[in-house]
Amino acid sequence: MIMKTVKIVTLFFAAGAVLLSASCTPTIKVQAPDKPIHLIVDINIKQEILLKVERDVEGISVTPAIPLAKRAGWIGERTDGYLGLVVMDAPRDVKDIVLQANEDRRDQYVVIANKHKTKLDLIETVAGKRFVEKSAAGEFVQVADGSWIKK
């Protein structure tokens, strides 16, 4: 009697396993959540960083020779935050002033970018905007198409 029970139970489990394995294809159901997902983006963070960057850019020093060369019409402020030669055949000492000033500005921009954990090109853009805005009447500034205009 025990042998018959074992055979019946074994047969039952074997039949069940076959049925389960045949119908055990996983079904994946993708469903949107019942409630919508709301994302809160704090745009004030970027604005706050820009304000700090602008303050830091305001603190960038200018050597006394730069305003003189600007008033003479040799150099002007570019939109990328660097000085540019308005007149390509400017004297060598004016070209040297531009090269040195741009190296100094780049060094300062890198420090500001690292301080605020932001990209260098953002700092250059902010600085370019500020330097163009601060240029005095009669000085040359570069416009978006790359040409120079007298402010």
C-alpha atoms as a PDB file:
ATOM      1  CA  MET A   1       0.000   0.000   0.000  1.00  0.00           C
ATOM      2  CA  ILE A   2       2.843   2.380   0.774  1.00  0.00           C
ATOM      3  CA  MET A   3       4.422   1.661  -2.630  1.00  0.00           C
ATOM      4  CA  LYS A   4       1.195   2.546  -4.443  1.00  0.00           C
ATOM      5  CA  THR A   5       0.938   5.821  -2.517  1.00  0.00           C
ATOM      6  CA  VAL A   6       4.528   6.737  -3.337  1.00  0.00           C
ATOM      7  CA  LYS A   7       3.982   5.946  -7.034  1.00  0.00           C
ATOM      8  CA  ILE A   8       0.768   7.981  -7.140  1.00  0.00           C
ATOM      9  CA  VAL A   9       2.392  10.928  -5.341  1.00  0.00           C
ATOM     10  CA  THR A  10       5.457  10.724  -7.609  1.00  0.00           C
ATOM     11  CA  LEU A  11       3.230  10.550 -10.679  1.00  0.00           C
ATOM     12  CA  PHE A  12       1.212  13.522  -9.400  1.00  0.00           C
ATOM     13  CA  PHE A  13       4.344  15.657  -8.844  1.00  0.00           C
ATOM     14  CA  ALA A  14       5.817  14.657 -12.209  1.00  0.00           C
ATOM     15  CA  ALA A  15       2.601  15.599 -14.019  1.00  0.00           C
ATOM     16  CA  GLY A  16       2.437  18.889 -12.101  1.00  0.00           C
ATOM     17  CA  ALA A  17       6.038  19.733 -12.982  1.00  0.00           C
ATOM     18  CA  VAL A  18       5.369  19.113 -16.678  1.00  0.00           C
ATOM     19  CA  LEU A  19       2.276  21.311 -16.576  1.00  0.00           C
ATOM     20  CA  LEU A  20       4.097  24.068 -14.685  1.00  0.00           C
ATOM     21  CA  SER A  21       7.115  24.081 -16.970  1.00  0.00           C
ATOM     22  CA  ALA A  22       4.933  24.191 -20.067  1.00  0.00           C
ATOM     23  CA  SER A  23       2.958  27.180 -18.818  1.00  0.00           C
ATOM     24  CA  CYS A  24       5.758  29.014 -17.001  1.00  0.00           C
ATOM     25  CA  THR A  25       6.590  31.606 -19.608  1.00  0.00           C
ATOM     26  CA  PRO A  26       7.138  34.843 -17.728  1.00  0.00           C
ATOM     27  CA  THR A  27       4.741  37.628 -18.548  1.00  0.00           C
ATOM     28  CA  ILE A  28       6.072  41.149 -18.180  1.00  0.00           C
ATOM     29  CA  LYS A  29       3.525  43.853 -17.802  1.00  0.00           C
ATOM     30  CA  VAL A  30       4.608  47.478 -17.995  1.00  0.00           C
ATOM     31  CA  GLN A  31       2.194  49.891 -16.499  1.00  0.00           C
ATOM     32  CA  ALA A  32       2.369  53.605 -15.804  1.00  0.00           C
ATOM     33  CA  PRO A  33       2.063  54.567 -12.164  1.00  0.00           C
ATOM     34  CA  ASP A  34      -1.374  55.512 -10.929  1.00  0.00           C
ATOM     35  CA  LYS A  35      -0.168  58.914  -9.828  1.00  0.00           C
ATOM     36  CA  PRO A  36       1.853  61.189 -12.117  1.00  0.00           C
ATOM     37  CA  ILE A  37       5.486  61.708 -11.259  1.00  0.00           C
ATOM     38  CA  HIS A  38       6.284  65.328 -10.437  1.00  0.00           C
ATOM     39  CA  LEU A  39       9.809  66.634 -10.870  1.00  0.00           C
ATOM     40  CA  ILE A  40      10.809  69.819  -9.145  1.00  0.00           C
ATOM     41  CA  VAL A  41      13.662  71.617 -10.855  1.00  0.00           C
ATOM     42  CA  ASP A  42      15.262  74.436  -8.948  1.00  0.00           C
ATOM     43  CA  ILE A  43      16.251  76.964 -11.609  1.00  0.00           C
ATOM     44  CA  ASN A  44      17.299  79.337  -8.843  1.00  0.00           C
ATOM     45  CA  ILE A  45      20.502  77.305  -8.437  1.00  0.00           C
ATOM     46  CA  LYS A  46      21.758  78.275 -11.896  1.00  0.00           C
ATOM     47  CA  GLN A  47      20.699  81.885 -11.386  1.00  0.00           C
ATOM     48  CA  GLU A  48      22.466  81.973  -8.018  1.00  0.00           C
ATOM     49  CA  ILE A  49      25.665  80.624  -9.590  1.00  0.00           C
ATOM     50  CA  LEU A  50      25.431  83.204 -12.384  1.00  0.00           C
ATOM     51  CA  LEU A  51      25.112  86.011  -9.846  1.00  0.00           C
ATOM     52  CA  LYS A  52      28.175  84.755  -7.966  1.00  0.00           C
ATOM     53  CA  VAL A  53      30.100  84.413 -11.224  1.00  0.00           C
ATOM     54  CA  GLU A  54      29.161  87.973 -12.217  1.00  0.00           C
ATOM     55  CA  ARG A  55      30.420  89.259  -8.853  1.00  0.00           C
ATOM     56  CA  ASP A  56      33.695  87.385  -9.304  1.00  0.00           C
ATOM     57  CA  VAL A  57      34.082  88.685 -12.866  1.00  0.00           C
ATOM     58  CA  GLU A  58      33.581  92.231 -11.566  1.00  0.00           C
ATOM     59  CA  GLY A  59      36.656  91.707  -9.407  1.00  0.00           C
ATOM     60  CA  ILE A  60      38.977  90.946 -12.329  1.00  0.00           C
ATOM     61  CA  SER A  61      41.697  93.553 -12.407  1.00  0.00           C
ATOM     62  CA  VAL A  62      42.657  95.580 -15.455  1.00  0.00           C
ATOM     63  CA  THR A  63      46.158  96.877 -16.080  1.00  0.00           C
ATOM     64  CA  PRO A  64      46.372 100.654 -16.684  1.00  0.00           C
ATOM     65  CA  ALA A  65      47.610 100.202 -20.253  1.00  0.00           C
ATOM     66  CA  ILE A  66      44.367  98.525 -21.356  1.00  0.00           C
ATOM     67  CA  PRO A  67      42.074 101.583 -21.067  1.00  0.00           C
ATOM     68  CA  LEU A  68      44.691 103.680 -22.882  1.00  0.00           C
ATOM     69  CA  ALA A  69      44.883 101.199 -25.776  1.00  0.00           C
ATOM     70  CA  LYS A  70      41.070 101.025 -25.866  1.00  0.00           C
ATOM     71  CA  ARG A  71      40.716 104.813 -26.058  1.00  0.00           C
ATOM     72  CA  ALA A  72      43.300 104.878 -28.840  1.00  0.00           C
ATOM     73  CA  GLY A  73      41.100 102.425 -30.790  1.00  0.00           C
ATOM     74  CA  TRP A  74      43.724  99.672 -30.977  1.00  0.00           C
ATOM     75  CA  ILE A  75      41.862  97.072 -28.909  1.00  0.00           C
ATOM     76  CA  GLY A  76      38.351  96.264 -27.761  1.00  0.00           C
ATOM     77  CA  GLU A  77      36.332  93.818 -25.715  1.00  0.00           C
ATOM     78  CA  ARG A  78      35.323  90.576 -27.410  1.00  0.00           C
ATOM     79  CA  THR A  79      32.088  88.744 -26.636  1.00  0.00           C
ATOM     80  CA  ASP A  80      34.028  85.746 -25.307  1.00  0.00           C
ATOM     81  CA  GLY A  81      35.513  87.680 -22.384  1.00  0.00           C
ATOM     82  CA  TYR A  82      38.898  88.383 -23.924  1.00  0.00           C
ATOM     83  CA  LEU A  83      40.503  91.437 -25.511  1.00  0.00           C
ATOM     84  CA  GLY A  84      40.844  91.628 -29.262  1.00  0.00           C
ATOM     85  CA  LEU A  85      42.845  93.669 -31.725  1.00  0.00           C
ATOM     86  CA  VAL A  86      40.570  96.061 -33.572  1.00  0.00           C
ATOM     87  CA  VAL A  87      43.454  97.131 -35.811  1.00  0.00           C
ATOM     88  CA  MET A  88      45.568  94.180 -36.890  1.00  0.00           C
ATOM     89  CA  ASP A  89      48.680  96.238 -37.554  1.00  0.00           C
ATOM     90  CA  ALA A  90      48.732  97.578 -33.996  1.00  0.00           C
ATOM     91  CA  PRO A  91      52.155  98.241 -32.457  1.00  0.00           C
ATOM     92  CA  ARG A  92      53.983  95.266 -30.951  1.00  0.00           C
ATOM     93  CA  ASP A  93      53.617  96.566 -27.376  1.00  0.00           C
ATOM     94  CA  VAL A  94      49.813  96.765 -27.828  1.00  0.00           C
ATOM     95  CA  LYS A  95      49.753  93.174 -29.114  1.00  0.00           C
ATOM     96  CA  ASP A  96      51.816  92.120 -26.090  1.00  0.00           C
ATOM     97  CA  ILE A  97      49.339  93.854 -23.761  1.00  0.00           C
ATOM     98  CA  VAL A  98      46.475  91.900 -25.352  1.00  0.00           C
ATOM     99  CA  LEU A  99      48.333  88.575 -25.121  1.00  0.00           C
ATOM    100  CA  GLN A 100      49.294  89.097 -21.473  1.00  0.00           C
ATOM    101  CA  ALA A 101      45.864  90.390 -20.460  1.00  0.00           C
ATOM    102  CA  ASN A 102      44.136  87.432 -22.139  1.00  0.00           C
ATOM    103  CA  GLU A 103      46.446  84.955 -20.390  1.00  0.00           C
ATOM    104  CA  ASP A 104      45.710  86.642 -17.058  1.00  0.00           C
ATOM    105  CA  ARG A 105      41.969  86.659 -17.733  1.00  0.00           C
ATOM    106  CA  ARG A 106      41.983  82.982 -18.691  1.00  0.00           C
ATOM    107  CA  ASP A 107      43.813  82.108 -15.475  1.00  0.00           C
ATOM    108  CA  GLN A 108      41.252  84.065 -13.469  1.00  0.00           C
ATOM    109  CA  TYR A 109      38.342  82.494 -15.386  1.00  0.00           C
ATOM    110  CA  VAL A 110      39.669  79.003 -14.609  1.00  0.00           C
ATOM    111  CA  VAL A 111      39.829  79.869 -10.899  1.00  0.00           C
ATOM    112  CA  ILE A 112      36.239  81.179 -10.998  1.00  0.00           C
ATOM    113  CA  ALA A 113      35.010  78.116 -12.935  1.00  0.00           C
ATOM    114  CA  ASN A 114      36.629  75.753 -10.435  1.00  0.00           C
ATOM    115  CA  LYS A 115      35.292  77.747  -7.496  1.00  0.00           C
ATOM    116  CA  HIS A 116      31.711  77.453  -8.762  1.00  0.00           C
ATOM    117  CA  LYS A 117      32.130  73.981 -10.295  1.00  0.00           C
ATOM    118  CA  THR A 118      30.999  75.191 -13.687  1.00  0.00           C
ATOM    119  CA  LYS A 119      32.343  75.216 -17.233  1.00  0.00           C
ATOM    120  CA  LEU A 120      34.962  77.676 -18.419  1.00  0.00           C
ATOM    121  CA  ASP A 121      32.887  78.743 -21.435  1.00  0.00           C
ATOM    122  CA  LEU A 122      30.081  79.902 -19.122  1.00  0.00           C
ATOM    123  CA  ILE A 123      32.547  82.109 -17.246  1.00  0.00           C
ATOM    124  CA  GLU A 124      33.932  83.469 -20.526  1.00  0.00           C
ATOM    125  CA  THR A 125      30.430  84.276 -21.784  1.00  0.00           C
ATOM    126  CA  VAL A 126      29.435  86.039 -18.564  1.00  0.00           C
ATOM    127  CA  ALA A 127      32.722  87.963 -18.528  1.00  0.00           C
ATOM    128  CA  GLY A 128      32.349  88.933 -22.187  1.00  0.00           C
ATOM    129  CA  LYS A 129      28.891  90.298 -21.539  1.00  0.00           C
ATOM    130  CA  ARG A 130      30.064  92.242 -18.477  1.00  0.00           C
ATOM    131  CA  PHE A 131      33.182  93.691 -20.132  1.00  0.00           C
ATOM    132  CA  VAL A 132      31.211  94.759 -23.226  1.00  0.00           C
ATOM    133  CA  GLU A 133      28.559  96.387 -21.002  1.00  0.00           C
ATOM    134  CA  LYS A 134      31.221  98.188 -18.954  1.00  0.00           C
ATOM    135  CA  SER A 135      33.075  99.520 -21.987  1.00  0.00           C
ATOM    136  CA  ALA A 136      33.031 103.294 -22.172  1.00  0.00           C
ATOM    137  CA  ALA A 137      31.438 105.290 -24.960  1.00  0.00           C
ATOM    138  CA  GLY A 138      33.829 105.572 -27.888  1.00  0.00           C
ATOM    139  CA  GLU A 139      35.543 102.230 -27.173  1.00  0.00           C
ATOM    140  CA  PHE A 140      35.287  99.315 -29.565  1.00  0.00           C
ATOM    141  CA  VAL A 141      33.279  96.211 -28.694  1.00  0.00           C
ATOM    142  CA  GLN A 142      32.730  93.072 -30.673  1.00  0.00           C
ATOM    143  CA  VAL A 143      29.189  92.114 -31.679  1.00  0.00           C
ATOM    144  CA  ALA A 144      27.721  88.646 -32.268  1.00  0.00           C
ATOM    145  CA  ASP A 145      28.806  88.439 -35.929  1.00  0.00           C
ATOM    146  CA  GLY A 146      32.442  89.133 -34.958  1.00  0.00           C
ATOM    147  CA  SER A 147      32.618  92.679 -36.288  1.00  0.00           C
ATOM    148  CA  TRP A 148      33.706  95.673 -34.220  1.00  0.00           C
ATOM    149  CA  ILE A 149      31.511  98.655 -33.427  1.00  0.00           C
ATOM    150  CA  LYS A 150      32.210 101.832 -31.525  1.00  0.00           C
ATOM    151  CA  LYS A 151      30.094 101.971 -28.409  1.00  0.00           C
END
